[in-house]
Amino acid sequence: MSRREELEALSSKELHDRAVARAQRHLDVKFLWNLMKLVPAAEAAAGQGDQADYDVAHWSGQVADTFRDDDGALSDALRPVYLDYLERHADG
């Protein structure tokens, strides 16, 4: 089984947790910054328009949403980002 196949078998929440933990462990500020910038668009794509509007107006919401996953819809929308990041950084 390839690394990509192993990753795709994981839930979106697990991908989120692994990607964010890896970025924190390696102080990958660039990934976390890019992820934070994607949060409002991902929320809108997940049908959370009100939350997206709030996060655009209040950057603290974007920061919080980058590091936590409340219901899975946000992680599902960001799933391709997590997959690509984890595949590029096979060290975990």
Protein backbone atom coordinates (compact mmCIF):
# COMPACT_ATOMS: atom_id res chain seq x y z
CA MET A 1 0.00 0.00 0.00
CA SER A 2 1.39 3.42 -0.95
CA ARG A 3 1.76 6.30 1.49
CA ARG A 4 -1.08 8.13 -0.28
CA GLU A 5 -3.40 5.12 0.03
CA GLU A 6 -2.59 4.81 3.73
CA LEU A 7 -3.38 8.48 4.26
CA GLU A 8 -6.59 8.36 2.25
CA ALA A 9 -7.83 5.55 4.48
CA LEU A 10 -7.75 7.92 7.48
CA SER A 11 -10.66 10.09 8.54
CA SER A 12 -10.52 13.80 7.81
CA LYS A 13 -10.23 14.49 11.54
CA GLU A 14 -7.24 12.17 11.82
CA LEU A 15 -5.61 13.86 8.82
CA HIS A 16 -6.20 17.26 10.44
CA ASP A 17 -4.74 16.09 13.73
CA ARG A 18 -1.66 14.57 12.08
CA ALA A 19 -0.98 17.52 9.79
CA VAL A 20 -1.36 20.14 12.53
CA ALA A 21 0.69 18.08 15.01
CA ARG A 22 3.44 17.61 12.42
CA ALA A 23 3.48 21.32 11.61
CA GLN A 24 3.64 22.23 15.31
CA ARG A 25 6.38 19.69 16.01
CA HIS A 26 8.50 20.99 13.12
CA LEU A 27 7.56 24.65 13.63
CA ASP A 28 6.17 24.76 10.09
CA VAL A 29 4.71 28.23 10.36
CA LYS A 30 4.33 28.50 6.58
CA PHE A 31 1.93 25.53 6.48
CA LEU A 32 -0.05 26.77 9.50
CA TRP A 33 -0.27 30.29 8.04
CA ASN A 34 -1.48 28.96 4.68
CA LEU A 35 -3.96 26.69 6.44
CA MET A 36 -5.27 29.59 8.47
CA LYS A 37 -5.80 31.62 5.28
CA LEU A 38 -7.82 28.73 3.79
CA VAL A 39 -10.19 28.36 6.76
CA PRO A 40 -12.87 30.91 5.70
CA ALA A 41 -13.09 29.52 2.15
CA ALA A 42 -13.22 25.96 3.49
CA GLU A 43 -16.00 26.93 5.90
CA ALA A 44 -17.97 28.48 3.06
CA ALA A 45 -17.46 25.33 0.97
CA ALA A 46 -18.67 23.26 3.92
CA GLY A 47 -21.89 25.30 4.11
CA GLN A 48 -20.80 27.33 7.13
CA GLY A 49 -21.18 30.78 5.59
CA ASP A 50 -21.91 32.56 8.86
CA GLN A 51 -18.78 31.10 10.45
CA ALA A 52 -16.72 32.05 7.40
CA ASP A 53 -17.97 35.65 7.62
CA TYR A 54 -17.12 35.75 11.33
CA ASP A 55 -13.63 34.39 10.74
CA VAL A 56 -12.93 36.95 8.01
CA ALA A 57 -13.86 39.73 10.45
CA HIS A 58 -12.15 38.17 13.49
CA TRP A 59 -8.76 36.60 12.81
CA SER A 60 -8.83 34.89 16.20
CA GLY A 61 -11.58 32.62 14.86
CA GLN A 62 -9.35 31.58 11.98
CA VAL A 63 -6.52 30.76 14.38
CA ALA A 64 -8.81 28.70 16.59
CA ASP A 65 -10.31 26.84 13.63
CA THR A 66 -6.83 26.05 12.29
CA PHE A 67 -5.88 24.16 15.43
CA ARG A 68 -9.15 22.48 16.35
CA ASP A 69 -11.77 20.49 14.52
CA ASP A 70 -15.28 20.75 15.91
CA ASP A 71 -17.63 18.85 13.62
CA GLY A 72 -15.66 17.39 10.75
CA ALA A 73 -17.13 19.55 7.97
CA LEU A 74 -14.14 21.90 8.04
CA SER A 75 -11.69 18.98 8.03
CA ASP A 76 -13.55 17.40 5.12
CA ALA A 77 -13.23 20.63 3.15
CA LEU A 78 -9.51 20.86 3.94
CA ARG A 79 -8.85 17.14 3.42
CA PRO A 80 -6.88 17.62 0.16
CA VAL A 81 -4.59 20.14 1.88
CA TYR A 82 -3.87 17.72 4.73
CA LEU A 83 -3.29 14.81 2.35
CA ASP A 84 -0.83 16.75 0.21
CA TYR A 85 1.06 18.07 3.24
CA LEU A 86 1.36 14.68 4.92
CA GLU A 87 2.36 12.97 1.70
CA ARG A 88 5.12 15.55 1.11
CA HIS A 89 6.36 15.08 4.68
CA ALA A 90 6.41 11.32 5.06
CA ASP A 91 8.31 11.61 8.35
CA GLY A 92 4.98 12.08 10.11
